[in-house]
Amino acid sequence: MTLAMMSRATLGHTGRVLEASPATQFIYLAVVVAMALRVAMEFVPNLSVPMMYGAAIAWVAAFMGFATVYGPMLARPPRRIWVRLMIGRR
């Protein structure tokens, strides 16, 4: 939920289309996989350690994916400012 709100806010505030790209869909999928593995740990105790590692890897993949995809968007001015700078208007 947090990543969904952060990605939506980033797209909206940087002047981009509010559409989940394939990279964003991967980020959401990684979070769901992490959650599913954490829940499954309770039902398959003999595999709890590998599932914990899998959940951790999926969680890190999701947040690193967010930083990789959305970090550059947040580090630059919004698109509408770039358009104004290129056109020469304020």
N, C-alpha and C. Protein backbone atom coordinates (compact mmCIF):
# COMPACT_ATOMS: atom_id res chain seq x y z
N MET A 1 0.83 -1.19 0.00
CA MET A 1 0.00 0.00 0.00
C MET A 1 0.88 1.25 0.00
N THR A 2 1.95 1.21 0.80
CA THR A 2 2.84 2.37 0.86
C THR A 2 3.49 2.63 -0.50
N LEU A 3 4.00 1.56 -1.12
CA LEU A 3 4.63 1.73 -2.43
C LEU A 3 3.62 2.20 -3.48
N ALA A 4 2.39 1.72 -3.39
CA ALA A 4 1.36 2.15 -4.34
C ALA A 4 1.09 3.65 -4.19
N MET A 5 0.97 4.11 -2.97
CA MET A 5 0.73 5.55 -2.75
C MET A 5 1.93 6.38 -3.18
N MET A 6 3.14 5.90 -2.87
CA MET A 6 4.34 6.66 -3.26
C MET A 6 4.48 6.71 -4.77
N SER A 7 4.18 5.61 -5.46
CA SER A 7 4.31 5.63 -6.92
C SER A 7 3.24 6.51 -7.55
N ARG A 8 2.01 6.46 -7.04
CA ARG A 8 0.95 7.31 -7.57
C ARG A 8 1.25 8.78 -7.34
N ALA A 9 1.71 9.11 -6.14
CA ALA A 9 2.04 10.51 -5.83
C ALA A 9 3.21 10.99 -6.69
N THR A 10 4.20 10.15 -6.88
CA THR A 10 5.35 10.53 -7.70
C THR A 10 4.92 10.81 -9.14
N LEU A 11 4.12 9.91 -9.70
CA LEU A 11 3.66 10.12 -11.07
C LEU A 11 2.83 11.39 -11.19
N GLY A 12 1.92 11.59 -10.26
CA GLY A 12 1.05 12.77 -10.31
C GLY A 12 1.79 14.07 -10.12
N HIS A 13 2.70 14.10 -9.16
CA HIS A 13 3.39 15.37 -8.85
C HIS A 13 4.52 15.69 -9.82
N THR A 14 4.93 14.71 -10.62
CA THR A 14 5.96 15.00 -11.61
C THR A 14 5.38 15.17 -13.01
N GLY A 15 4.05 15.21 -13.11
CA GLY A 15 3.41 15.49 -14.38
C GLY A 15 3.36 14.32 -15.34
N ARG A 16 3.45 13.11 -14.83
CA ARG A 16 3.41 11.93 -15.69
C ARG A 16 2.02 11.32 -15.69
N VAL A 17 1.78 10.44 -16.64
CA VAL A 17 0.50 9.74 -16.75
C VAL A 17 0.37 8.77 -15.58
N LEU A 18 -0.81 8.72 -14.99
CA LEU A 18 -1.05 7.81 -13.86
C LEU A 18 -1.35 6.41 -14.37
N GLU A 19 -0.28 5.74 -14.78
CA GLU A 19 -0.40 4.40 -15.36
C GLU A 19 0.76 3.56 -14.84
N ALA A 20 0.46 2.36 -14.39
CA ALA A 20 1.49 1.47 -13.86
C ALA A 20 2.28 0.84 -15.00
N SER A 21 3.54 1.18 -15.09
CA SER A 21 4.41 0.61 -16.11
C SER A 21 4.73 -0.84 -15.75
N PRO A 22 5.34 -1.59 -16.66
CA PRO A 22 5.74 -2.96 -16.32
C PRO A 22 6.69 -3.00 -15.11
N ALA A 23 7.57 -2.02 -14.98
CA ALA A 23 8.47 -1.98 -13.83
C ALA A 23 7.68 -1.77 -12.53
N THR A 24 6.69 -0.91 -12.56
CA THR A 24 5.85 -0.68 -11.38
C THR A 24 5.05 -1.93 -11.05
N GLN A 25 4.57 -2.62 -12.06
CA GLN A 25 3.84 -3.86 -11.81
C GLN A 25 4.75 -4.91 -11.17
N PHE A 26 6.01 -4.95 -11.59
CA PHE A 26 6.97 -5.86 -10.96
C PHE A 26 7.17 -5.50 -9.49
N ILE A 27 7.25 -4.21 -9.20
CA ILE A 27 7.42 -3.77 -7.82
C ILE A 27 6.24 -4.25 -6.97
N TYR A 28 5.04 -4.06 -7.46
CA TYR A 28 3.85 -4.50 -6.72
C TYR A 28 3.84 -6.02 -6.56
N LEU A 29 4.21 -6.74 -7.61
CA LEU A 29 4.25 -8.20 -7.55
C LEU A 29 5.27 -8.67 -6.50
N ALA A 30 6.41 -8.01 -6.44
CA ALA A 30 7.44 -8.40 -5.46
C ALA A 30 6.93 -8.25 -4.03
N VAL A 31 6.17 -7.21 -3.76
CA VAL A 31 5.60 -7.02 -2.42
C VAL A 31 4.58 -8.11 -2.12
N VAL A 32 3.77 -8.46 -3.09
CA VAL A 32 2.78 -9.52 -2.89
C VAL A 32 3.47 -10.86 -2.64
N VAL A 33 4.53 -11.14 -3.38
CA VAL A 33 5.28 -12.37 -3.17
C VAL A 33 5.88 -12.40 -1.76
N ALA A 34 6.44 -11.28 -1.33
CA ALA A 34 7.00 -11.22 0.03
C ALA A 34 5.93 -11.49 1.08
N MET A 35 4.77 -10.91 0.91
CA MET A 35 3.68 -11.12 1.86
C MET A 35 3.21 -12.58 1.84
N ALA A 36 3.06 -13.14 0.65
CA ALA A 36 2.60 -14.53 0.54
C ALA A 36 3.59 -15.49 1.19
N LEU A 37 4.87 -15.25 1.00
CA LEU A 37 5.87 -16.11 1.63
C LEU A 37 5.84 -15.99 3.14
N ARG A 38 5.66 -14.77 3.65
CA ARG A 38 5.59 -14.59 5.10
C ARG A 38 4.38 -15.31 5.70
N VAL A 39 3.26 -15.29 5.01
CA VAL A 39 2.06 -15.99 5.49
C VAL A 39 2.27 -17.50 5.39
N ALA A 40 2.84 -17.95 4.27
CA ALA A 40 3.05 -19.38 4.06
C ALA A 40 4.01 -19.98 5.08
N MET A 41 4.88 -19.18 5.64
CA MET A 41 5.82 -19.67 6.66
C MET A 41 5.09 -20.32 7.83
N GLU A 42 3.96 -19.79 8.19
CA GLU A 42 3.20 -20.32 9.32
C GLU A 42 2.60 -21.69 9.03
N PHE A 43 2.35 -21.97 7.76
CA PHE A 43 1.69 -23.22 7.40
C PHE A 43 2.66 -24.33 7.01
N VAL A 44 3.90 -23.95 6.70
CA VAL A 44 4.93 -24.92 6.34
C VAL A 44 6.18 -24.62 7.19
N PRO A 45 6.15 -25.00 8.47
CA PRO A 45 7.23 -24.61 9.38
C PRO A 45 8.61 -25.16 8.99
N ASN A 46 8.66 -26.33 8.36
CA ASN A 46 9.97 -26.89 8.01
C ASN A 46 10.64 -26.11 6.87
N LEU A 47 9.90 -25.26 6.17
CA LEU A 47 10.48 -24.41 5.11
C LEU A 47 10.49 -22.94 5.50
N SER A 48 10.34 -22.67 6.78
CA SER A 48 10.21 -21.27 7.19
C SER A 48 11.47 -20.45 6.94
N VAL A 49 12.64 -21.05 7.13
CA VAL A 49 13.87 -20.27 6.91
C VAL A 49 14.05 -19.92 5.43
N PRO A 50 13.94 -20.89 4.50
CA PRO A 50 14.05 -20.49 3.08
C PRO A 50 12.97 -19.49 2.66
N MET A 51 11.76 -19.65 3.20
CA MET A 51 10.69 -18.71 2.86
C MET A 51 10.99 -17.32 3.42
N MET A 52 11.60 -17.27 4.59
CA MET A 52 11.98 -15.97 5.17
C MET A 52 13.00 -15.28 4.27
N TYR A 53 13.99 -16.04 3.80
CA TYR A 53 14.97 -15.46 2.89
C TYR A 53 14.32 -15.02 1.58
N GLY A 54 13.42 -15.84 1.06
CA GLY A 54 12.71 -15.46 -0.17
C GLY A 54 11.89 -14.19 0.01
N ALA A 55 11.22 -14.09 1.16
CA ALA A 55 10.43 -12.89 1.44
C ALA A 55 11.33 -11.67 1.56
N ALA A 56 12.47 -11.83 2.20
CA ALA A 56 13.41 -10.71 2.35
C ALA A 56 13.94 -10.26 0.99
N ILE A 57 14.27 -11.21 0.14
CA ILE A 57 14.77 -10.88 -1.19
C ILE A 57 13.69 -10.16 -2.01
N ALA A 58 12.45 -10.64 -1.93
CA ALA A 58 11.35 -10.00 -2.66
C ALA A 58 11.11 -8.58 -2.14
N TRP A 59 11.18 -8.41 -0.81
CA TRP A 59 10.96 -7.09 -0.21
C TRP A 59 12.04 -6.11 -0.66
N VAL A 60 13.29 -6.55 -0.60
CA VAL A 60 14.40 -5.69 -1.03
C VAL A 60 14.27 -5.38 -2.52
N ALA A 61 13.89 -6.38 -3.32
CA ALA A 61 13.71 -6.15 -4.76
C ALA A 61 12.65 -5.09 -5.01
N ALA A 62 11.57 -5.13 -4.24
CA ALA A 62 10.50 -4.15 -4.42
C ALA A 62 10.99 -2.73 -4.11
N PHE A 63 11.65 -2.56 -2.98
CA PHE A 63 12.07 -1.21 -2.60
C PHE A 63 13.26 -0.72 -3.42
N MET A 64 14.16 -1.62 -3.80
CA MET A 64 15.24 -1.20 -4.70
C MET A 64 14.68 -0.87 -6.08
N GLY A 65 13.69 -1.63 -6.51
CA GLY A 65 13.03 -1.32 -7.78
C GLY A 65 12.37 0.05 -7.73
N PHE A 66 11.72 0.35 -6.61
CA PHE A 66 11.10 1.68 -6.48
C PHE A 66 12.16 2.77 -6.54
N ALA A 67 13.25 2.58 -5.81
CA ALA A 67 14.31 3.58 -5.81
C ALA A 67 14.91 3.76 -7.20
N THR A 68 15.03 2.67 -7.94
CA THR A 68 15.61 2.73 -9.28
C THR A 68 14.68 3.40 -10.27
N VAL A 69 13.40 3.06 -10.20
CA VAL A 69 12.43 3.60 -11.17
C VAL A 69 12.01 5.01 -10.82
N TYR A 70 11.68 5.24 -9.55
CA TYR A 70 11.08 6.52 -9.15
C TYR A 70 12.10 7.52 -8.59
N GLY A 71 13.26 7.05 -8.19
CA GLY A 71 14.29 7.96 -7.68
C GLY A 71 14.66 9.06 -8.66
N PRO A 72 14.97 8.71 -9.91
CA PRO A 72 15.30 9.76 -10.89
C PRO A 72 14.16 10.74 -11.13
N MET A 73 12.91 10.26 -11.08
CA MET A 73 11.77 11.16 -11.26
C MET A 73 11.71 12.18 -10.12
N LEU A 74 12.02 11.71 -8.92
CA LEU A 74 11.93 12.59 -7.75
C LEU A 74 13.13 13.52 -7.64
N ALA A 75 14.24 13.16 -8.27
CA ALA A 75 15.46 13.97 -8.17
C ALA A 75 15.46 15.13 -9.16
N ARG A 76 14.58 15.08 -10.16
CA ARG A 76 14.53 16.14 -11.18
C ARG A 76 13.29 17.00 -10.99
N PRO A 77 13.30 18.19 -11.55
CA PRO A 77 12.08 19.01 -11.51
C PRO A 77 10.96 18.33 -12.28
N PRO A 78 9.71 18.68 -11.96
CA PRO A 78 8.58 18.10 -12.70
C PRO A 78 8.67 18.40 -14.19
N ARG A 79 8.05 17.57 -15.00
CA ARG A 79 8.10 17.72 -16.46
C ARG A 79 7.61 19.08 -16.92
N ARG A 80 6.56 19.60 -16.29
CA ARG A 80 6.02 20.88 -16.76
C ARG A 80 7.05 22.01 -16.61
N ILE A 81 7.93 21.91 -15.63
CA ILE A 81 8.99 22.91 -15.47
C ILE A 81 10.00 22.76 -16.60
N TRP A 82 10.35 21.49 -16.95
CA TRP A 82 11.28 21.27 -18.05
C TRP A 82 10.70 21.81 -19.36
N VAL A 83 9.43 21.63 -19.59
CA VAL A 83 8.81 22.15 -20.81
C VAL A 83 8.91 23.66 -20.83
N ARG A 84 8.64 24.31 -19.71
CA ARG A 84 8.74 25.78 -19.66
C ARG A 84 10.17 26.23 -19.92
N LEU A 85 11.14 25.51 -19.37
CA LEU A 85 12.54 25.90 -19.57
C LEU A 85 12.94 25.73 -21.03
N MET A 86 12.46 24.66 -21.67
CA MET A 86 12.82 24.43 -23.06
C MET A 86 12.17 25.44 -24.00
N ILE A 87 10.94 25.82 -23.70
CA ILE A 87 10.23 26.79 -24.53
C ILE A 87 10.72 28.20 -24.26
N GLY A 88 11.16 28.46 -23.04
CA GLY A 88 11.64 29.77 -22.70
C GLY A 88 10.62 30.62 -22.00
N ARG A 89 9.48 30.04 -21.65
CA ARG A 89 8.44 30.79 -20.92
C ARG A 89 8.51 30.43 -19.45
N ARG A 90 7.92 31.30 -18.66
CA ARG A 90 7.85 31.05 -17.22
C ARG A 90 6.43 30.87 -16.80
